[in-house]
Amino acid sequence: MSRSRRFAGNVGWSLAGQGGTIAVNFIAIPYLLRGFGAEAYGVYLLVYVAGNYLGLFQFGAGLATIKYVAEAKAAGEDRALRQAVSHSAAIHFFGVGAAASALCLAAGPLSRSFFDVPPYYQERAVWLLRAAAVGGLFSAGSQWVAATFQGLQRFAWPSALALLQSLLTPLGLAAILLLGRGLGAAAVWYASVQAVVFALGATALLGALGEHRGATGRLSFRAFARYGLSFWPAALSGVAAGQIDKTFVAGLLGMADLTYYAVPSGILSRLQTLPSTISHALMPVLSESGRVDGREALTAVYLRATRGMLALCAPAVGLLFALMPQLLALWLGPAFGARAAPAARLLVAAQAFALIFHAPNALAGGLGGGRYASAAAWGQALLSLALWPVLIPRWGIAGAAAGSLAAQASAALFYLDAAHRRLLGLSWGRFLREAAAPVVLPAAALLALAWAGRGLAWTWPGFIGVGAGAGAAYAVLLWPSLPREDRRTAVRLIKRA
């Protein structure tokens, strides 16, 4: 199978799973919000906040797994491949296991002080944090499975497991509400879903590894761990930038405001589904290409993938920025929309810069640029931590979003510059000309049309009509601006589909 066809197939499988996840959440969240109430749902969200903190203790093993498994597979070094998988499992389970044990022991003090949960929810918050600890260990196992499959460039299983988890979690919560149960039952269900998903994924992975029983190649634990640790500071700062905002909101404003902030933030983070999928699918391709091809061929692959990522993601970002108040009012009700829309629109702008972040991230992951990822992420985290205590008390959840936007924009531009110059020798002029320029005019037209028609989008038919019209204009303008090779590839993929 050609590299481009394999890359497109990997992206397609990942998008299928993530698309199902988005659809299920879109349907389930309004029901769950009504059932729990804004404040109780904010308490439930602590399980995800704590789970994301636990992810820090994987120490960058996921990216190391993708890199070394892909390289060993390309070289036919089965023993090195199995060693990469073994090293990855050791780091995932030992690191997260130790952190999960600490979280279980400290759940009470954390719920009272760090997360500032109201007294009448304290007992349930402790349950939720302990469920996050147990579920986090199984989740680490699932991420080990997913990273290994991504390195093998077999994306069907990770996508299926992500979709299964996205189905089981809200369906179980809906059943809990129907049975009249509350946050305690929700905590048990969360941990149970993580366990089931890991068990299925591990079983599938063991079968896949049975195809790699050779005795060639060798990979030391030290080399594997050192590469993963080069990305760990970026992960640490990424959690600081992406999760501590919610801690600030909960502590300074309250659990209801956490819901008004975290629900749009969580949904908008799905804007990163496509670029993250492309980045993770591109990472082993770049790693393989960097080993066997020259720099110019590597640069061409990178620019083409980045151009495609920007072209595919720009419509969603533009439409959401223009129509965010209408979407929230239609989806979660006018009251929720009025409280959340200003912050959500700023978060859309932040997500636009986060989208840009994925292009150099694929380079860094595939070519060993972890220090640039760490520098960018730490800069983002430190600027965020400086801005949030000032902006949140003054402007509420909109202040949290504004701080995130300023920090994300600064980090993304730095990361692009550093990764391009140091890893590819790629100038800003060539990047803007070949990757960004074809998308600029179509995206500007889409944004202008959606903004002009936003007054018609306060009903679902109007919303769909405005979005479809702006999207059609985008497609008409984009097609002739793309290079001929991109148009030919798109036609081939459409025919195969």
Protein backbone atom coordinates (compact mmCIF):
# COMPACT_ATOMS: atom_id res chain seq x y z
CA MET A 1 0.00 0.00 0.00
CA SER A 2 1.35 3.46 -0.89
CA ARG A 3 2.32 5.85 1.88
CA SER A 4 -0.35 8.39 0.94
CA ARG A 5 -3.07 5.74 0.78
CA ARG A 6 -2.03 4.26 4.12
CA PHE A 7 -1.97 7.74 5.65
CA ALA A 8 -5.46 8.52 4.32
CA GLY A 9 -6.76 5.19 5.60
CA ASN A 10 -5.35 5.80 9.07
CA VAL A 11 -6.94 9.25 9.19
CA GLY A 12 -10.26 7.81 8.00
CA TRP A 13 -10.39 5.16 10.71
CA SER A 14 -9.56 7.67 13.42
CA LEU A 15 -12.16 10.13 12.19
CA ALA A 16 -14.83 7.44 12.12
CA GLY A 17 -14.35 6.77 15.82
CA GLN A 18 -14.10 10.42 16.78
CA GLY A 19 -17.10 11.34 14.65
CA GLY A 20 -19.19 8.84 16.55
CA THR A 21 -17.90 10.26 19.83
CA ILE A 22 -18.89 13.80 18.86
CA ALA A 23 -22.36 12.69 17.77
CA VAL A 24 -23.04 10.79 20.99
CA ASN A 25 -21.85 13.68 23.18
CA PHE A 26 -23.92 16.17 21.21
CA ILE A 27 -27.04 14.15 21.88
CA ALA A 28 -26.29 13.13 25.48
CA ILE A 29 -24.97 16.29 27.13
CA PRO A 30 -28.25 18.28 27.14
CA TYR A 31 -30.03 15.36 28.81
CA LEU A 32 -27.25 14.91 31.38
CA LEU A 33 -27.18 18.62 32.17
CA ARG A 34 -30.91 18.65 32.81
CA GLY A 35 -30.72 15.48 34.89
CA PHE A 36 -27.81 16.41 37.14
CA GLY A 37 -28.15 20.21 37.13
CA ALA A 38 -25.36 22.64 36.35
CA GLU A 39 -23.64 22.45 39.75
CA ALA A 40 -23.76 18.66 40.17
CA TYR A 41 -22.60 18.16 36.59
CA GLY A 42 -19.66 20.43 37.37
CA VAL A 43 -18.77 18.12 40.27
CA TYR A 44 -19.01 15.11 37.93
CA LEU A 45 -16.56 16.78 35.54
CA LEU A 46 -13.91 16.50 38.25
CA VAL A 47 -13.43 12.87 37.24
CA TYR A 48 -12.16 14.02 33.84
CA VAL A 49 -10.05 16.84 35.26
CA ALA A 50 -8.35 14.42 37.67
CA GLY A 51 -7.99 11.82 34.93
CA ASN A 52 -6.15 14.30 32.75
CA TYR A 53 -3.75 15.08 35.59
CA LEU A 54 -3.01 11.35 35.90
CA GLY A 55 -2.08 11.30 32.22
CA LEU A 56 1.01 13.32 33.13
CA PHE A 57 2.57 10.26 34.68
CA GLN A 58 2.90 8.43 31.38
CA PHE A 59 6.12 10.45 30.98
CA GLY A 60 5.81 10.87 27.22
CA ALA A 61 5.71 7.11 26.62
CA GLY A 62 2.88 7.39 24.07
CA LEU A 63 4.91 9.42 21.57
CA ALA A 64 7.95 7.22 22.11
CA THR A 65 5.79 4.17 21.41
CA ILE A 66 4.51 5.56 18.12
CA LYS A 67 8.01 6.49 16.97
CA TYR A 68 9.88 3.31 17.88
CA VAL A 69 7.14 0.87 16.91
CA ALA A 70 6.81 2.58 13.50
CA GLU A 71 10.57 2.56 12.91
CA ALA A 72 10.97 -1.06 13.99
CA LYS A 73 8.05 -2.14 11.81
CA ALA A 74 9.49 -0.30 8.78
CA ALA A 75 12.89 -1.93 9.34
CA GLY A 76 11.43 -5.40 9.98
CA GLU A 77 13.00 -5.51 13.47
CA ASP A 78 10.43 -7.53 15.38
CA ARG A 79 12.39 -7.88 18.62
CA ALA A 80 12.93 -4.10 18.80
CA LEU A 81 9.20 -3.65 18.18
CA ARG A 82 8.25 -5.96 21.03
CA GLN A 83 10.76 -4.27 23.31
CA ALA A 84 9.24 -0.87 22.51
CA VAL A 85 5.81 -2.22 23.47
CA SER A 86 7.17 -3.73 26.69
CA HIS A 87 9.00 -0.55 27.70
CA SER A 88 5.85 1.45 26.99
CA ALA A 89 3.69 -0.79 29.17
CA ALA A 90 6.13 -0.55 32.07
CA ILE A 91 6.15 3.25 32.00
CA HIS A 92 2.40 3.63 31.48
CA PHE A 93 1.38 1.31 34.31
CA PHE A 94 4.09 2.12 36.85
CA GLY A 95 3.84 5.90 36.51
CA VAL A 96 0.07 6.18 36.46
CA GLY A 97 -0.32 3.43 39.07
CA ALA A 98 1.80 5.34 41.57
CA ALA A 99 -0.05 8.59 40.87
CA ALA A 100 -3.44 6.86 41.11
CA SER A 101 -2.54 5.44 44.52
CA ALA A 102 -1.63 8.91 45.73
CA LEU A 103 -4.90 10.32 44.36
CA CYS A 104 -6.93 7.68 46.22
CA LEU A 105 -5.24 8.58 49.50
CA ALA A 106 -5.54 12.34 48.98
CA ALA A 107 -9.08 12.44 47.55
CA GLY A 108 -10.60 13.99 50.68
CA PRO A 109 -8.20 16.92 51.11
CA LEU A 110 -8.17 17.56 47.35
CA SER A 111 -11.95 17.81 47.15
CA ARG A 112 -12.04 20.30 50.04
CA SER A 113 -9.12 22.54 49.11
CA PHE A 114 -7.68 22.10 45.63
CA PHE A 115 -11.04 21.74 43.84
CA ASP A 116 -13.05 23.69 46.46
CA VAL A 117 -16.15 21.47 46.21
CA PRO A 118 -19.21 22.73 48.18
CA PRO A 119 -19.69 20.85 51.50
CA TYR A 120 -22.94 19.19 50.40
CA TYR A 121 -21.10 17.49 47.50
CA GLN A 122 -17.94 16.56 49.44
CA GLU A 123 -18.72 12.87 49.93
CA ARG A 124 -19.61 12.32 46.28
CA ALA A 125 -16.57 14.28 45.14
CA VAL A 126 -14.33 11.88 47.08
CA TRP A 127 -16.05 8.96 45.34
CA LEU A 128 -15.48 10.61 41.97
CA LEU A 129 -11.80 11.31 42.60
CA ARG A 130 -11.20 7.71 43.67
CA ALA A 131 -13.07 6.50 40.61
CA ALA A 132 -10.82 8.75 38.54
CA ALA A 133 -7.81 7.05 40.14
CA VAL A 134 -9.03 3.52 39.38
CA GLY A 135 -10.31 4.44 35.95
CA GLY A 136 -7.12 6.38 35.22
CA LEU A 137 -5.03 3.23 35.58
CA PHE A 138 -7.22 1.39 33.06
CA SER A 139 -7.22 4.48 30.84
CA ALA A 140 -3.41 4.44 30.86
CA GLY A 141 -3.61 0.87 29.61
CA SER A 142 -5.98 1.90 26.85
CA GLN A 143 -3.61 4.68 25.80
CA TRP A 144 -0.73 2.20 25.72
CA VAL A 145 -2.84 0.01 23.43
CA ALA A 146 -3.77 2.96 21.21
CA ALA A 147 -0.19 4.23 20.89
CA THR A 148 1.04 0.77 19.91
CA PHE A 149 -1.65 0.36 17.27
CA GLN A 150 -0.82 3.84 15.93
CA GLY A 151 2.84 2.88 15.65
CA LEU A 152 1.76 -0.24 13.76
CA GLN A 153 -0.35 2.11 11.58
CA ARG A 154 -3.46 0.08 12.35
CA PHE A 155 -5.99 2.67 13.41
CA ALA A 156 -9.20 0.64 13.28
CA TRP A 157 -8.95 -0.75 16.82
CA PRO A 158 -8.16 2.55 18.59
CA SER A 159 -11.06 4.16 16.73
CA ALA A 160 -13.45 1.35 17.65
CA LEU A 161 -12.42 1.48 21.30
CA ALA A 162 -12.83 5.26 21.45
CA LEU A 163 -16.29 4.94 19.95
CA LEU A 164 -17.24 2.16 22.39
CA GLN A 165 -16.17 4.29 25.34
CA SER A 166 -18.07 7.29 24.01
CA LEU A 167 -21.21 5.16 23.72
CA LEU A 168 -21.01 3.34 27.03
CA THR A 169 -20.30 6.38 29.20
CA PRO A 170 -23.34 8.57 28.36
CA LEU A 171 -25.70 5.61 27.96
CA GLY A 172 -24.76 4.40 31.43
CA LEU A 173 -25.17 7.89 32.90
CA ALA A 174 -28.59 8.19 31.28
CA ALA A 175 -29.59 4.86 32.83
CA ILE A 176 -28.32 6.05 36.21
CA LEU A 177 -30.52 9.14 36.00
CA LEU A 178 -33.54 7.06 34.96
CA LEU A 179 -33.01 4.81 37.99
CA GLY A 180 -32.90 7.84 40.27
CA ARG A 181 -29.25 7.36 41.22
CA GLY A 182 -26.66 10.12 41.41
CA LEU A 183 -22.98 10.95 41.44
CA GLY A 184 -21.86 7.89 43.41
CA ALA A 185 -23.25 5.52 40.80
CA ALA A 186 -21.77 7.73 38.06
CA ALA A 187 -18.33 7.30 39.66
CA VAL A 188 -18.59 3.50 39.64
CA TRP A 189 -19.78 3.51 36.04
CA TYR A 190 -16.86 5.67 34.91
CA ALA A 191 -14.28 3.24 36.32
CA SER A 192 -16.16 0.22 34.93
CA VAL A 193 -16.20 1.60 31.39
CA GLN A 194 -12.45 2.26 31.49
CA ALA A 195 -11.84 -1.33 32.60
CA VAL A 196 -13.97 -2.86 29.84
CA VAL A 197 -12.36 -0.76 27.11
CA PHE A 198 -8.86 -1.66 28.28
CA ALA A 199 -9.63 -5.38 28.46
CA LEU A 200 -10.92 -5.45 24.90
CA GLY A 201 -8.03 -3.37 23.57
CA ALA A 202 -5.36 -5.44 25.31
CA THR A 203 -6.85 -8.65 23.92
CA ALA A 204 -6.77 -7.24 20.38
CA LEU A 205 -3.21 -5.98 20.79
CA LEU A 206 -1.89 -9.33 21.96
CA GLY A 207 -3.30 -10.86 18.80
CA ALA A 208 -1.67 -8.20 16.61
CA LEU A 209 1.72 -8.64 18.27
CA GLY A 210 1.62 -12.33 17.45
CA GLU A 211 2.52 -11.35 13.88
CA HIS A 212 5.88 -9.96 15.04
CA ARG A 213 7.85 -12.87 16.47
CA GLY A 214 11.21 -12.28 14.79
CA ALA A 215 14.50 -11.93 16.65
CA THR A 216 16.06 -8.93 14.89
CA GLY A 217 16.75 -5.49 16.30
CA ARG A 218 17.22 -4.23 19.81
CA LEU A 219 15.90 -1.22 21.73
CA SER A 220 17.17 -0.30 25.17
CA PHE A 221 14.84 0.95 27.86
CA ARG A 222 17.14 3.92 28.39
CA ALA A 223 16.84 5.12 24.78
CA PHE A 224 13.07 4.66 24.83
CA ALA A 225 12.58 6.43 28.14
CA ARG A 226 14.94 9.28 27.23
CA TYR A 227 12.99 10.02 24.05
CA GLY A 228 9.66 9.93 25.88
CA LEU A 229 10.96 12.15 28.66
CA SER A 230 12.02 14.77 26.11
CA PHE A 231 8.28 15.30 25.53
CA TRP A 232 7.22 15.02 29.17
CA PRO A 233 7.81 18.70 30.04
CA ALA A 234 5.48 19.56 27.15
CA ALA A 235 2.84 17.22 28.54
CA LEU A 236 3.28 18.69 32.02
CA SER A 237 2.87 22.22 30.78
CA GLY A 238 0.04 21.13 28.49
CA VAL A 239 -1.97 19.95 31.47
CA ALA A 240 -1.13 23.20 33.25
CA ALA A 241 -2.44 25.18 30.27
CA GLY A 242 -5.40 22.93 29.49
CA GLN A 243 -6.69 21.84 32.89
CA ILE A 244 -5.71 24.35 35.55
CA ASP A 245 -8.05 26.88 33.96
CA LYS A 246 -10.90 24.66 35.13
CA THR A 247 -9.40 24.50 38.60
CA PHE A 248 -9.19 28.30 38.69
CA VAL A 249 -12.78 28.60 37.48
CA ALA A 250 -14.05 26.12 40.07
CA GLY A 251 -12.12 27.75 42.91
CA LEU A 252 -12.72 31.41 42.03
CA LEU A 253 -16.23 31.23 40.56
CA GLY A 254 -17.97 27.98 41.58
CA MET A 255 -19.16 24.64 40.21
CA ALA A 256 -21.99 26.07 38.09
CA ASP A 257 -19.54 28.37 36.30
CA LEU A 258 -17.27 25.37 35.81
CA THR A 259 -20.09 23.72 33.87
CA TYR A 260 -20.71 26.83 31.74
CA TYR A 261 -17.01 26.91 30.94
CA ALA A 262 -16.06 23.24 30.77
CA VAL A 263 -18.94 21.98 28.59
CA PRO A 264 -18.20 24.34 25.65
CA SER A 265 -14.47 23.87 26.27
CA GLY A 266 -14.81 20.10 26.11
CA ILE A 267 -16.92 20.16 22.98
CA LEU A 268 -14.66 22.70 21.28
CA SER A 269 -11.65 20.54 22.08
CA ARG A 270 -13.19 18.15 19.55
CA LEU A 271 -12.14 20.67 16.92
CA GLN A 272 -8.72 19.14 17.48
CA THR A 273 -9.98 15.68 16.53
CA LEU A 274 -9.12 16.02 12.85
CA PRO A 275 -5.75 17.81 13.21
CA SER A 276 -4.75 15.52 16.06
CA THR A 277 -5.69 12.50 13.97
CA ILE A 278 -3.71 13.81 11.01
CA SER A 279 -0.76 14.64 13.28
CA HIS A 280 -0.70 11.18 14.86
CA ALA A 281 -1.09 9.48 11.49
CA LEU A 282 1.61 11.71 10.02
CA MET A 283 4.06 11.12 12.86
CA PRO A 284 5.03 7.53 11.94
CA VAL A 285 5.05 8.50 8.24
CA LEU A 286 7.52 11.32 8.92
CA SER A 287 9.57 9.08 11.17
CA GLU A 288 9.74 6.46 8.42
CA SER A 289 10.39 9.06 5.72
CA GLY A 290 13.08 10.74 7.79
CA ARG A 291 14.87 7.42 7.95
CA VAL A 292 14.75 6.51 4.25
CA ASP A 293 14.08 9.72 2.24
CA GLY A 294 15.86 13.04 1.81
CA ARG A 295 14.96 16.34 3.48
CA GLU A 296 13.21 17.79 0.41
CA ALA A 297 10.92 14.77 0.10
CA LEU A 298 10.23 14.96 3.82
CA THR A 299 9.40 18.68 3.56
CA ALA A 300 7.04 18.04 0.66
CA VAL A 301 5.16 15.37 2.64
CA TYR A 302 4.88 17.72 5.62
CA LEU A 303 3.66 20.72 3.61
CA ARG A 304 1.09 18.67 1.74
CA ALA A 305 -0.31 17.14 4.93
CA THR A 306 -0.40 20.53 6.67
CA ARG A 307 -2.19 22.11 3.71
CA GLY A 308 -4.78 19.36 3.81
CA MET A 309 -5.21 19.74 7.56
CA LEU A 310 -5.80 23.49 7.28
CA ALA A 311 -8.20 23.08 4.36
CA LEU A 312 -10.28 20.47 6.18
CA CYS A 313 -10.39 22.24 9.56
CA ALA A 314 -10.92 25.88 8.56
CA PRO A 315 -14.69 25.58 7.85
CA ALA A 316 -15.54 24.26 11.32
CA VAL A 317 -13.47 26.93 13.06
CA GLY A 318 -14.94 29.75 10.97
CA LEU A 319 -18.55 28.63 11.35
CA LEU A 320 -18.28 28.09 15.09
CA PHE A 321 -16.68 31.49 15.63
CA ALA A 322 -19.48 33.22 13.73
CA LEU A 323 -22.39 31.13 15.02
CA MET A 324 -21.38 30.06 18.54
CA PRO A 325 -24.17 31.98 20.41
CA GLN A 326 -26.79 30.45 18.13
CA LEU A 327 -25.39 26.93 18.51
CA LEU A 328 -25.28 27.01 22.31
CA ALA A 329 -28.79 28.47 22.55
CA LEU A 330 -30.23 25.83 20.22
CA TRP A 331 -28.32 22.96 21.78
CA LEU A 332 -28.35 23.69 25.52
CA GLY A 333 -30.99 26.39 25.86
CA PRO A 334 -31.05 30.21 25.72
CA ALA A 335 -30.02 30.63 29.37
CA PHE A 336 -26.96 28.42 28.96
CA GLY A 337 -26.07 30.14 25.69
CA ALA A 338 -26.29 33.61 27.23
CA ARG A 339 -23.94 32.61 30.08
CA ALA A 340 -21.44 30.64 28.02
CA ALA A 341 -21.30 32.21 24.53
CA PRO A 342 -18.78 35.07 25.07
CA ALA A 343 -16.23 32.71 26.60
CA ALA A 344 -16.97 30.01 24.04
CA ARG A 345 -16.28 32.35 21.12
CA LEU A 346 -12.88 33.23 22.58
CA LEU A 347 -12.22 29.51 23.05
CA VAL A 348 -12.95 28.96 19.34
CA ALA A 349 -10.22 31.48 18.51
CA ALA A 350 -7.88 29.66 20.90
CA GLN A 351 -8.71 26.38 19.17
CA ALA A 352 -7.73 27.94 15.84
CA PHE A 353 -4.21 28.47 17.17
CA ALA A 354 -4.25 25.02 18.78
CA LEU A 355 -5.00 23.66 15.30
CA ILE A 356 -1.78 25.24 14.03
CA PHE A 357 0.09 23.57 16.92
CA HIS A 358 -0.47 20.09 15.47
CA ALA A 359 1.65 20.63 12.35
CA PRO A 360 4.99 21.13 14.12
CA ASN A 361 3.95 18.54 16.70
CA ALA A 362 3.98 15.86 14.00
CA LEU A 363 7.46 17.04 13.01
CA ALA A 364 8.72 17.01 16.57
CA GLY A 365 7.25 13.60 17.30
CA GLY A 366 8.57 12.04 14.10
CA LEU A 367 12.01 13.68 14.01
CA GLY A 368 12.99 14.11 17.64
CA GLY A 369 12.10 17.72 18.42
CA GLY A 370 10.78 17.21 21.92
CA ARG A 371 12.70 20.19 23.32
CA TYR A 372 10.81 22.56 21.01
CA ALA A 373 7.48 21.04 22.04
CA SER A 374 8.45 21.46 25.67
CA ALA A 375 9.57 25.07 25.24
CA ALA A 376 6.35 26.02 23.44
CA ALA A 377 4.12 24.24 25.92
CA TRP A 378 5.91 25.68 28.95
CA GLY A 379 5.69 29.16 27.51
CA GLN A 380 1.96 28.65 27.02
CA ALA A 381 1.51 27.30 30.54
CA LEU A 382 3.45 30.05 32.28
CA LEU A 383 1.68 32.81 30.37
CA SER A 384 -1.68 31.18 31.15
CA LEU A 385 -0.86 30.92 34.84
CA ALA A 386 0.14 34.59 34.87
CA LEU A 387 -3.06 35.74 33.13
CA TRP A 388 -5.80 33.63 34.75
CA PRO A 389 -5.56 35.00 38.32
CA VAL A 390 -5.86 38.51 36.88
CA LEU A 391 -8.51 37.96 34.20
CA ILE A 392 -10.89 35.45 35.84
CA PRO A 393 -11.86 37.60 38.86
CA ARG A 394 -12.41 40.54 36.53
CA TRP A 395 -14.25 38.93 33.59
CA GLY A 396 -15.33 35.50 34.87
CA ILE A 397 -15.22 32.60 32.44
CA ALA A 398 -14.58 35.00 29.55
CA GLY A 399 -11.38 36.00 31.35
CA ALA A 400 -10.31 32.36 31.52
CA ALA A 401 -10.92 32.01 27.79
CA ALA A 402 -9.05 35.23 26.99
CA GLY A 403 -6.02 34.03 28.94
CA SER A 404 -6.09 30.72 27.09
CA LEU A 405 -6.30 32.50 23.73
CA ALA A 406 -3.32 34.79 24.38
CA ALA A 407 -1.15 31.93 25.63
CA GLN A 408 -2.13 29.50 22.87
CA ALA A 409 -1.45 32.03 20.11
CA SER A 410 2.01 32.88 21.45
CA ALA A 411 2.99 29.22 21.85
CA ALA A 412 1.75 28.13 18.43
CA LEU A 413 3.66 30.82 16.54
CA PHE A 414 6.87 30.09 18.45
CA TYR A 415 6.52 26.33 17.87
CA LEU A 416 5.98 26.76 14.14
CA ASP A 417 9.06 28.93 13.81
CA ALA A 418 11.36 26.72 15.90
CA ALA A 419 10.30 23.37 14.40
CA HIS A 420 10.40 24.62 10.82
CA ARG A 421 13.81 26.24 11.07
CA ARG A 422 15.56 23.63 13.18
CA LEU A 423 14.05 20.37 11.88
CA LEU A 424 13.37 21.14 8.20
CA GLY A 425 15.12 24.39 7.35
CA LEU A 426 11.70 25.61 6.18
CA SER A 427 11.19 29.36 5.76
CA TRP A 428 8.05 31.25 6.76
CA GLY A 429 7.64 32.37 3.16
CA ARG A 430 7.51 28.86 1.75
CA PHE A 431 5.23 27.63 4.53
CA LEU A 432 2.75 30.47 4.06
CA ARG A 433 2.87 30.18 0.28
CA GLU A 434 2.48 26.41 -0.01
CA ALA A 435 0.50 25.43 3.11
CA ALA A 436 -1.57 28.44 4.20
CA ALA A 437 -2.19 30.64 1.15
CA PRO A 438 -4.62 28.27 -0.66
CA VAL A 439 -6.95 28.35 2.38
CA VAL A 440 -6.91 32.07 3.28
CA LEU A 441 -9.38 33.50 0.74
CA PRO A 442 -11.93 30.65 0.99
CA ALA A 443 -11.84 30.82 4.80
CA ALA A 444 -12.30 34.60 4.79
CA ALA A 445 -15.31 34.26 2.48
CA LEU A 446 -16.86 31.57 4.70
CA LEU A 447 -16.44 33.68 7.83
CA ALA A 448 -17.88 36.79 6.16
CA LEU A 449 -20.96 34.95 4.85
CA ALA A 450 -21.63 33.18 8.15
CA TRP A 451 -21.26 36.43 10.09
CA ALA A 452 -23.61 38.26 7.74
CA GLY A 453 -26.22 35.49 8.05
CA ARG A 454 -25.97 34.89 11.79
CA GLY A 455 -29.27 36.67 12.45
CA LEU A 456 -31.03 33.93 10.45
CA ALA A 457 -29.43 31.10 12.45
CA TRP A 458 -31.56 31.14 15.63
CA THR A 459 -33.54 28.08 14.47
CA TRP A 460 -32.12 24.72 13.47
CA PRO A 461 -33.22 25.06 9.81
CA GLY A 462 -31.74 28.55 9.68
CA PHE A 463 -28.53 27.44 11.38
CA ILE A 464 -28.10 24.55 8.97
CA GLY A 465 -28.93 26.76 5.99
CA VAL A 466 -26.41 29.47 6.90
CA GLY A 467 -23.72 26.88 7.58
CA ALA A 468 -24.41 25.02 4.35
CA GLY A 469 -24.36 28.20 2.27
CA ALA A 470 -21.09 29.44 3.76
CA GLY A 471 -19.59 25.97 3.45
CA ALA A 472 -20.57 25.72 -0.21
CA ALA A 473 -18.91 29.06 -0.95
CA TYR A 474 -15.78 27.84 0.84
CA ALA A 475 -15.64 24.66 -1.24
CA VAL A 476 -16.17 26.51 -4.52
CA LEU A 477 -13.31 28.90 -3.77
CA LEU A 478 -11.00 26.29 -2.26
CA TRP A 479 -11.00 23.77 -5.10
CA PRO A 480 -9.24 25.87 -7.76
CA SER A 481 -6.77 27.25 -5.21
CA LEU A 482 -5.40 23.79 -4.35
CA PRO A 483 -2.41 22.35 -6.24
CA ARG A 484 -3.27 19.89 -8.98
CA GLU A 485 -1.78 16.96 -7.05
CA ASP A 486 -4.12 17.66 -4.12
CA ARG A 487 -7.16 17.76 -6.38
CA ARG A 488 -6.16 14.48 -8.01
CA THR A 489 -5.65 12.83 -4.63
CA ALA A 490 -9.04 14.08 -3.43
CA VAL A 491 -10.77 12.70 -6.53
CA ARG A 492 -9.09 9.31 -6.07
CA LEU A 493 -10.07 9.12 -2.41
CA ILE A 494 -13.67 10.07 -3.19
CA LYS A 495 -13.88 7.39 -5.88
CA ARG A 496 -12.46 4.75 -3.53
CA ALA A 497 -14.91 5.77 -0.81
